[in-house]
Amino acid sequence: KHLTSITNSLELLVDADVYILAVSDDAIPE
């Protein structure tokens, strides 16, 4: 949090050029 904005809400995602999903395989579709 001292480096950048953090959140636990997908509804609060900001606009970006690239969204990198480094999550479990099962979570990728959802």
Full PDB file with SEQRES, HELIX, SHEET, SSBOND, CRYST1, ORIGX, SCALE, CONECT and MASTER records, all heavy atoms in Angstrom:
SEQRES   1 A   30  LYS HIS LEU THR SER ILE THR ASN SER LEU GLU LEU LEU          
SEQRES   2 A   30  VAL ASP ALA ASP VAL TYR ILE LEU ALA VAL SER ASP ASP          
SEQRES   3 A   30  ALA ILE PRO GLU                                              
HELIX    1 AA1 LEU A   10  LEU A   12  5                                   3    
HELIX    2 AA2 ASP A   25  ALA A   27  5                                   3    
CRYST1    1.000    1.000    1.000  90.00  90.00  90.00 P 1           1          
ORIGX1      1.000000  0.000000  0.000000        0.00000                         
ORIGX2      0.000000  1.000000  0.000000        0.00000                         
ORIGX3      0.000000  0.000000  1.000000        0.00000                         
SCALE1      1.000000  0.000000  0.000000        0.00000                         
SCALE2      0.000000  1.000000  0.000000        0.00000                         
SCALE3      0.000000  0.000000  1.000000        0.00000                         
ATOM      1  N   LYS A   1       0.809  -1.223   0.000  1.00  0.00           N  
ATOM      2  CA  LYS A   1       0.000   0.000   0.000  1.00  0.00           C  
ATOM      3  C   LYS A   1       0.842   1.273   0.000  1.00  0.00           C  
ATOM      4  O   LYS A   1       0.344   2.341  -0.362  1.00  0.00           O  
ATOM      5  CB  LYS A   1      -0.963  -0.001   1.187  1.00  0.00           C  
ATOM      6  CG  LYS A   1      -0.318   0.008   2.552  1.00  0.00           C  
ATOM      7  CD  LYS A   1      -1.406  -0.079   3.637  1.00  0.00           C  
ATOM      8  CE  LYS A   1      -0.811  -0.105   5.043  1.00  0.00           C  
ATOM      9  NZ  LYS A   1      -1.878  -0.233   6.069  1.00  0.00           N  
ATOM     10  N   HIS A   2       2.114   1.165   0.382  1.00  0.00           N  
ATOM     11  CA  HIS A   2       2.984   2.338   0.311  1.00  0.00           C  
ATOM     12  C   HIS A   2       3.554   2.525  -1.091  1.00  0.00           C  
ATOM     13  O   HIS A   2       4.192   3.551  -1.374  1.00  0.00           O  
ATOM     14  CB  HIS A   2       4.130   2.219   1.327  1.00  0.00           C  
ATOM     15  CG  HIS A   2       5.106   1.124   1.016  1.00  0.00           C  
ATOM     16  ND1 HIS A   2       4.789  -0.212   1.125  1.00  0.00           N  
ATOM     17  CD2 HIS A   2       6.395   1.178   0.575  1.00  0.00           C  
ATOM     18  CE1 HIS A   2       5.841  -0.934   0.790  1.00  0.00           C  
ATOM     19  NE2 HIS A   2       6.820  -0.124   0.442  1.00  0.00           N  
ATOM     20  N   LEU A   3       3.305   1.543  -1.974  1.00  0.00           N  
ATOM     21  CA  LEU A   3       3.789   1.626  -3.350  1.00  0.00           C  
ATOM     22  C   LEU A   3       2.704   2.062  -4.330  1.00  0.00           C  
ATOM     23  O   LEU A   3       2.978   2.777  -5.290  1.00  0.00           O  
ATOM     24  CB  LEU A   3       4.346   0.267  -3.808  1.00  0.00           C  
ATOM     25  CG  LEU A   3       5.435  -0.392  -2.964  1.00  0.00           C  
ATOM     26  CD1 LEU A   3       5.848  -1.718  -3.599  1.00  0.00           C  
ATOM     27  CD2 LEU A   3       6.638   0.536  -2.823  1.00  0.00           C  
ATOM     28  N   THR A   4       1.476   1.619  -4.074  1.00  0.00           N  
ATOM     29  CA  THR A   4       0.400   1.872  -5.016  1.00  0.00           C  
ATOM     30  C   THR A   4      -0.949   1.702  -4.328  1.00  0.00           C  
ATOM     31  O   THR A   4      -1.012   1.318  -3.155  1.00  0.00           O  
ATOM     32  CB  THR A   4       0.493   0.907  -6.216  1.00  0.00           C  
ATOM     33  OG1 THR A   4      -0.451   1.292  -7.217  1.00  0.00           O  
ATOM     34  CG2 THR A   4       0.237  -0.533  -5.795  1.00  0.00           C  
ATOM     35  N   SER A   5      -2.011   1.936  -5.084  1.00  0.00           N  
ATOM     36  CA  SER A   5      -3.360   1.738  -4.553  1.00  0.00           C  
ATOM     37  C   SER A   5      -3.663   0.249  -4.459  1.00  0.00           C  
ATOM     38  O   SER A   5      -3.309  -0.523  -5.359  1.00  0.00           O  
ATOM     39  CB  SER A   5      -4.383   2.416  -5.474  1.00  0.00           C  
ATOM     40  OG  SER A   5      -5.699   2.040  -5.147  1.00  0.00           O  
ATOM     41  N   ILE A   6      -4.313  -0.170  -3.380  1.00  0.00           N  
ATOM     42  CA  ILE A   6      -4.717  -1.567  -3.244  1.00  0.00           C  
ATOM     43  C   ILE A   6      -6.221  -1.634  -2.995  1.00  0.00           C  
ATOM     44  O   ILE A   6      -6.822  -0.691  -2.472  1.00  0.00           O  
ATOM     45  CB  ILE A   6      -3.959  -2.282  -2.102  1.00  0.00           C  
ATOM     46  CG1 ILE A   6      -4.295  -1.664  -0.740  1.00  0.00           C  
ATOM     47  CG2 ILE A   6      -2.465  -2.274  -2.359  1.00  0.00           C  
ATOM     48  CD1 ILE A   6      -3.721  -2.444   0.440  1.00  0.00           C  
ATOM     49  N   THR A   7      -6.828  -2.747  -3.390  1.00  0.00           N  
ATOM     50  CA  THR A   7      -8.266  -2.913  -3.205  1.00  0.00           C  
ATOM     51  C   THR A   7      -8.619  -4.391  -3.141  1.00  0.00           C  
ATOM     52  O   THR A   7      -7.874  -5.241  -3.644  1.00  0.00           O  
ATOM     53  CB  THR A   7      -9.058  -2.251  -4.352  1.00  0.00           C  
ATOM     54  OG1 THR A   7     -10.467  -2.379  -4.100  1.00  0.00           O  
ATOM     55  CG2 THR A   7      -8.735  -2.906  -5.686  1.00  0.00           C  
ATOM     56  N   ASN A   8      -9.753  -4.686  -2.542  1.00  0.00           N  
ATOM     57  CA  ASN A   8     -10.294  -6.049  -2.562  1.00  0.00           C  
ATOM     58  C   ASN A   8     -11.660  -6.072  -3.240  1.00  0.00           C  
ATOM     59  O   ASN A   8     -12.437  -7.001  -3.066  1.00  0.00           O  
ATOM     60  CB  ASN A   8     -10.391  -6.633  -1.150  1.00  0.00           C  
ATOM     61  CG  ASN A   8     -11.326  -5.837  -0.255  1.00  0.00           C  
ATOM     62  OD1 ASN A   8     -11.813  -4.765  -0.629  1.00  0.00           O  
ATOM     63  ND2 ASN A   8     -11.586  -6.358   0.938  1.00  0.00           N  
ATOM     64  N   SER A   9     -11.937  -5.047  -4.035  1.00  0.00           N  
ATOM     65  CA  SER A   9     -13.208  -4.943  -4.762  1.00  0.00           C  
ATOM     66  C   SER A   9     -12.946  -4.809  -6.260  1.00  0.00           C  
ATOM     67  O   SER A   9     -12.310  -3.840  -6.705  1.00  0.00           O  
ATOM     68  CB  SER A   9     -14.013  -3.742  -4.266  1.00  0.00           C  
ATOM     69  OG  SER A   9     -15.144  -3.532  -5.083  1.00  0.00           O  
ATOM     70  N   LEU A  10     -13.451  -5.757  -7.043  1.00  0.00           N  
ATOM     71  CA  LEU A  10     -13.294  -5.673  -8.497  1.00  0.00           C  
ATOM     72  C   LEU A  10     -14.072  -4.495  -9.071  1.00  0.00           C  
ATOM     73  O   LEU A  10     -13.737  -3.987 -10.149  1.00  0.00           O  
ATOM     74  CB  LEU A  10     -13.761  -6.981  -9.141  1.00  0.00           C  
ATOM     75  CG  LEU A  10     -12.886  -8.209  -8.867  1.00  0.00           C  
ATOM     76  CD1 LEU A  10     -13.560  -9.474  -9.377  1.00  0.00           C  
ATOM     77  CD2 LEU A  10     -11.517  -8.048  -9.510  1.00  0.00           C  
ATOM     78  N   GLU A  11     -15.095  -4.058  -8.375  1.00  0.00           N  
ATOM     79  CA  GLU A  11     -15.882  -2.913  -8.833  1.00  0.00           C  
ATOM     80  C   GLU A  11     -15.100  -1.609  -8.740  1.00  0.00           C  
ATOM     81  O   GLU A  11     -15.464  -0.612  -9.381  1.00  0.00           O  
ATOM     82  CB  GLU A  11     -17.169  -2.803  -8.007  1.00  0.00           C  
ATOM     83  CG  GLU A  11     -18.114  -3.993  -8.183  1.00  0.00           C  
ATOM     84  CD  GLU A  11     -19.350  -3.862  -7.319  1.00  0.00           C  
ATOM     85  OE1 GLU A  11     -19.423  -2.901  -6.531  1.00  0.00           O  
ATOM     86  OE2 GLU A  11     -20.235  -4.731  -7.431  1.00  0.00           O  
ATOM     87  N   LEU A  12     -14.022  -1.612  -7.956  1.00  0.00           N  
ATOM     88  CA  LEU A  12     -13.220  -0.397  -7.773  1.00  0.00           C  
ATOM     89  C   LEU A  12     -11.949  -0.395  -8.618  1.00  0.00           C  
ATOM     90  O   LEU A  12     -11.075   0.456  -8.420  1.00  0.00           O  
ATOM     91  CB  LEU A  12     -12.864  -0.234  -6.292  1.00  0.00           C  
ATOM     92  CG  LEU A  12     -14.041  -0.014  -5.337  1.00  0.00           C  
ATOM     93  CD1 LEU A  12     -13.549   0.128  -3.903  1.00  0.00           C  
ATOM     94  CD2 LEU A  12     -14.854   1.215  -5.743  1.00  0.00           C  
ATOM     95  N   LEU A  13     -11.834  -1.337  -9.547  1.00  0.00           N  
ATOM     96  CA  LEU A  13     -10.657  -1.357 -10.411  1.00  0.00           C  
ATOM     97  C   LEU A  13     -10.613  -0.093 -11.262  1.00  0.00           C  
ATOM     98  O   LEU A  13     -11.622   0.341 -11.815  1.00  0.00           O  
ATOM     99  CB  LEU A  13     -10.672  -2.589 -11.321  1.00  0.00           C  
ATOM    100  CG  LEU A  13     -10.463  -3.954 -10.672  1.00  0.00           C  
ATOM    101  CD1 LEU A  13     -10.441  -5.041 -11.743  1.00  0.00           C  
ATOM    102  CD2 LEU A  13      -9.188  -3.994  -9.842  1.00  0.00           C  
ATOM    103  N   VAL A  14      -9.423   0.478 -11.389  1.00  0.00           N  
ATOM    104  CA  VAL A  14      -9.249   1.699 -12.175  1.00  0.00           C  
ATOM    105  C   VAL A  14      -8.937   1.331 -13.628  1.00  0.00           C  
ATOM    106  O   VAL A  14      -8.626   0.179 -13.949  1.00  0.00           O  
ATOM    107  CB  VAL A  14      -8.122   2.570 -11.589  1.00  0.00           C  
ATOM    108  CG1 VAL A  14      -8.492   3.022 -10.185  1.00  0.00           C  
ATOM    109  CG2 VAL A  14      -6.798   1.808 -11.566  1.00  0.00           C  
ATOM    110  N   ASP A  15      -9.013   2.316 -14.504  1.00  0.00           N  
ATOM    111  CA  ASP A  15      -8.714   2.091 -15.917  1.00  0.00           C  
ATOM    112  C   ASP A  15      -7.209   1.918 -16.110  1.00  0.00           C  
ATOM    113  O   ASP A  15      -6.405   2.683 -15.557  1.00  0.00           O  
ATOM    114  CB  ASP A  15      -9.206   3.260 -16.761  1.00  0.00           C  
ATOM    115  CG  ASP A  15     -10.728   3.350 -16.790  1.00  0.00           C  
ATOM    116  OD1 ASP A  15     -11.374   2.295 -16.639  1.00  0.00           O  
ATOM    117  OD2 ASP A  15     -11.264   4.460 -16.951  1.00  0.00           O  
ATOM    118  N   ALA A  16      -6.851   0.929 -16.908  1.00  0.00           N  
ATOM    119  CA  ALA A  16      -5.439   0.643 -17.145  1.00  0.00           C  
ATOM    120  C   ALA A  16      -5.243   0.127 -18.561  1.00  0.00           C  
ATOM    121  O   ALA A  16      -6.205  -0.241 -19.251  1.00  0.00           O  
ATOM    122  CB  ALA A  16      -4.933  -0.387 -16.134  1.00  0.00           C  
ATOM    123  N   ASP A  17      -3.977   0.089 -18.993  1.00  0.00           N  
ATOM    124  CA  ASP A  17      -3.659  -0.456 -20.317  1.00  0.00           C  
ATOM    125  C   ASP A  17      -3.663  -1.977 -20.296  1.00  0.00           C  
ATOM    126  O   ASP A  17      -4.076  -2.620 -21.255  1.00  0.00           O  
ATOM    127  CB  ASP A  17      -2.281   0.038 -20.772  1.00  0.00           C  
ATOM    128  CG  ASP A  17      -2.225   1.549 -20.925  1.00  0.00           C  
ATOM    129  OD1 ASP A  17      -3.132   2.111 -21.571  1.00  0.00           O  
ATOM    130  OD2 ASP A  17      -1.285   2.160 -20.384  1.00  0.00           O  
ATOM    131  N   VAL A  18      -3.203  -2.560 -19.186  1.00  0.00           N  
ATOM    132  CA  VAL A  18      -3.119  -4.019 -19.063  1.00  0.00           C  
ATOM    133  C   VAL A  18      -3.556  -4.441 -17.665  1.00  0.00           C  
ATOM    134  O   VAL A  18      -3.135  -3.838 -16.668  1.00  0.00           O  
ATOM    135  CB  VAL A  18      -1.689  -4.534 -19.320  1.00  0.00           C  
ATOM    136  CG1 VAL A  18      -1.649  -6.062 -19.245  1.00  0.00           C  
ATOM    137  CG2 VAL A  18      -1.156  -4.063 -20.668  1.00  0.00           C  
ATOM    138  N   TYR A  19      -4.393  -5.466 -17.608  1.00  0.00           N  
ATOM    139  CA  TYR A  19      -4.806  -6.078 -16.350  1.00  0.00           C  
ATOM    140  C   TYR A  19      -4.187  -7.473 -16.306  1.00  0.00           C  
ATOM    141  O   TYR A  19      -4.483  -8.325 -17.154  1.00  0.00           O  
ATOM    142  CB  TYR A  19      -6.328  -6.185 -16.251  1.00  0.00           C  
ATOM    143  CG  TYR A  19      -7.029  -4.849 -16.243  1.00  0.00           C  
ATOM    144  CD1 TYR A  19      -7.349  -4.204 -17.431  1.00  0.00           C  
ATOM    145  CD2 TYR A  19      -7.368  -4.221 -15.042  1.00  0.00           C  
ATOM    146  CE1 TYR A  19      -7.981  -2.971 -17.438  1.00  0.00           C  
ATOM    147  CE2 TYR A  19      -8.004  -2.988 -15.035  1.00  0.00           C  
ATOM    148  CZ  TYR A  19      -8.299  -2.366 -16.237  1.00  0.00           C  
ATOM    149  OH  TYR A  19      -8.919  -1.143 -16.229  1.00  0.00           O  
ATOM    150  N   ILE A  20      -3.306  -7.710 -15.336  1.00  0.00           N  
ATOM    151  CA  ILE A  20      -2.598  -8.985 -15.235  1.00  0.00           C  
ATOM    152  C   ILE A  20      -3.247  -9.837 -14.158  1.00  0.00           C  
ATOM    153  O   ILE A  20      -3.177  -9.516 -12.969  1.00  0.00           O  
ATOM    154  CB  ILE A  20      -1.108  -8.766 -14.919  1.00  0.00           C  
ATOM    155  CG1 ILE A  20      -0.453  -7.886 -15.985  1.00  0.00           C  
ATOM    156  CG2 ILE A  20      -0.384 -10.106 -14.816  1.00  0.00           C  
ATOM    157  CD1 ILE A  20       1.005  -7.554 -15.698  1.00  0.00           C  
ATOM    158  N   LEU A  21      -3.866 -10.944 -14.575  1.00  0.00           N  
ATOM    159  CA  LEU A  21      -4.541 -11.848 -13.641  1.00  0.00           C  
ATOM    160  C   LEU A  21      -3.564 -12.927 -13.183  1.00  0.00           C  
ATOM    161  O   LEU A  21      -3.359 -13.930 -13.872  1.00  0.00           O  
ATOM    162  CB  LEU A  21      -5.754 -12.508 -14.295  1.00  0.00           C  
ATOM    163  CG  LEU A  21      -7.072 -11.712 -14.290  1.00  0.00           C  
ATOM    164  CD1 LEU A  21      -6.937 -10.435 -15.101  1.00  0.00           C  
ATOM    165  CD2 LEU A  21      -8.198 -12.568 -14.850  1.00  0.00           C  
ATOM    166  N   ALA A  22      -2.934 -12.698 -12.043  1.00  0.00           N  
ATOM    167  CA  ALA A  22      -2.030 -13.690 -11.457  1.00  0.00           C  
ATOM    168  C   ALA A  22      -2.792 -14.405 -10.349  1.00  0.00           C  
ATOM    169  O   ALA A  22      -2.514 -14.235  -9.156  1.00  0.00           O  
ATOM    170  CB  ALA A  22      -0.771 -13.013 -10.923  1.00  0.00           C  
ATOM    171  N   VAL A  23      -3.773 -15.197 -10.770  1.00  0.00           N  
ATOM    172  CA  VAL A  23      -4.679 -15.876  -9.837  1.00  0.00           C  
ATOM    173  C   VAL A  23      -4.675 -17.371 -10.139  1.00  0.00           C  
ATOM    174  O   VAL A  23      -4.058 -17.821 -11.112  1.00  0.00           O  
ATOM    175  CB  VAL A  23      -6.109 -15.309  -9.954  1.00  0.00           C  
ATOM    176  CG1 VAL A  23      -6.121 -13.832  -9.578  1.00  0.00           C  
ATOM    177  CG2 VAL A  23      -6.668 -15.497 -11.366  1.00  0.00           C  
ATOM    178  N   SER A  24      -5.389 -18.145  -9.329  1.00  0.00           N  
ATOM    179  CA  SER A  24      -5.471 -19.589  -9.574  1.00  0.00           C  
ATOM    180  C   SER A  24      -6.180 -19.855 -10.900  1.00  0.00           C  
ATOM    181  O   SER A  24      -6.998 -19.045 -11.362  1.00  0.00           O  
ATOM    182  CB  SER A  24      -6.225 -20.273  -8.433  1.00  0.00           C  
ATOM    183  OG  SER A  24      -7.579 -19.857  -8.411  1.00  0.00           O  
ATOM    184  N   ASP A  25      -5.885 -20.996 -11.500  1.00  0.00           N  
ATOM    185  CA  ASP A  25      -6.473 -21.334 -12.794  1.00  0.00           C  
ATOM    186  C   ASP A  25      -8.002 -21.306 -12.755  1.00  0.00           C  
ATOM    187  O   ASP A  25      -8.658 -20.797 -13.675  1.00  0.00           O  
ATOM    188  CB  ASP A  25      -6.001 -22.727 -13.239  1.00  0.00           C  
ATOM    189  CG  ASP A  25      -4.520 -22.755 -13.568  1.00  0.00           C  
ATOM    190  OD1 ASP A  25      -3.875 -21.686 -13.530  1.00  0.00           O  
ATOM    191  OD2 ASP A  25      -4.000 -23.848 -13.854  1.00  0.00           O  
ATOM    192  N   ASP A  26      -8.566 -21.841 -11.686  1.00  0.00           N  
ATOM    193  CA  ASP A  26     -10.025 -21.918 -11.571  1.00  0.00           C  
ATOM    194  C   ASP A  26     -10.678 -20.547 -11.473  1.00  0.00           C  
ATOM    195  O   ASP A  26     -11.845 -20.384 -11.824  1.00  0.00           O  
ATOM    196  CB  ASP A  26     -10.418 -22.756 -10.348  1.00  0.00           C  
ATOM    197  CG  ASP A  26     -10.070 -24.229 -10.513  1.00  0.00           C  
ATOM    198  OD1 ASP A  26      -9.862 -24.657 -11.670  1.00  0.00           O  
ATOM    199  OD2 ASP A  26      -9.989 -24.935  -9.497  1.00  0.00           O  
ATOM    200  N   ALA A  27      -9.937 -19.564 -10.991  1.00  0.00           N  
ATOM    201  CA  ALA A  27     -10.504 -18.232 -10.783  1.00  0.00           C  
ATOM    202  C   ALA A  27     -10.453 -17.357 -12.036  1.00  0.00           C  
ATOM    203  O   ALA A  27     -11.107 -16.313 -12.083  1.00  0.00           O  
ATOM    204  CB  ALA A  27      -9.781 -17.533  -9.637  1.00  0.00           C  
ATOM    205  N   ILE A  28      -9.712 -17.767 -13.046  1.00  0.00           N  
ATOM    206  CA  ILE A  28      -9.521 -16.930 -14.239  1.00  0.00           C  
ATOM    207  C   ILE A  28     -10.838 -16.590 -14.941  1.00  0.00           C  
ATOM    208  O   ILE A  28     -11.097 -15.408 -15.232  1.00  0.00           O  
ATOM    209  CB  ILE A  28      -8.521 -17.592 -15.207  1.00  0.00           C  
ATOM    210  CG1 ILE A  28      -7.116 -17.552 -14.609  1.00  0.00           C  
ATOM    211  CG2 ILE A  28      -8.529 -16.898 -16.574  1.00  0.00           C  
ATOM    212  CD1 ILE A  28      -6.086 -18.354 -15.382  1.00  0.00           C  
ATOM    213  N   PRO A  29     -11.697 -17.570 -15.241  1.00  0.00           N  
ATOM    214  CA  PRO A  29     -12.948 -17.231 -15.934  1.00  0.00           C  
ATOM    215  C   PRO A  29     -13.827 -16.257 -15.154  1.00  0.00           C  
ATOM    216  O   PRO A  29     -14.327 -15.266 -15.715  1.00  0.00           O  
ATOM    217  CB  PRO A  29     -13.638 -18.591 -16.103  1.00  0.00           C  
ATOM    218  CG  PRO A  29     -12.530 -19.588 -16.067  1.00  0.00           C  
ATOM    219  CD  PRO A  29     -11.547 -19.032 -15.080  1.00  0.00           C  
ATOM    220  N   GLU A  30     -14.002 -16.519 -13.876  1.00  0.00           N  
ATOM    221  CA  GLU A  30     -14.895 -15.689 -13.068  1.00  0.00           C  
ATOM    222  C   GLU A  30     -14.380 -14.261 -12.933  1.00  0.00           C  
ATOM    223  O   GLU A  30     -15.126 -13.300 -13.145  1.00  0.00           O  
ATOM    224  CB  GLU A  30     -15.067 -16.300 -11.675  1.00  0.00           C  
ATOM    225  CG  GLU A  30     -15.979 -15.477 -10.776  1.00  0.00           C  
ATOM    226  CD  GLU A  30     -16.064 -16.034  -9.367  1.00  0.00           C  
ATOM    227  OE1 GLU A  30     -15.432 -17.074  -9.108  1.00  0.00           O  
ATOM    228  OE2 GLU A  30     -16.763 -15.421  -8.545  1.00  0.00           O  
TER     229      GLU A  30                                                      
MASTER        0    0    0    2    0    0    0    6  228    1    0    3          
END                                                                             
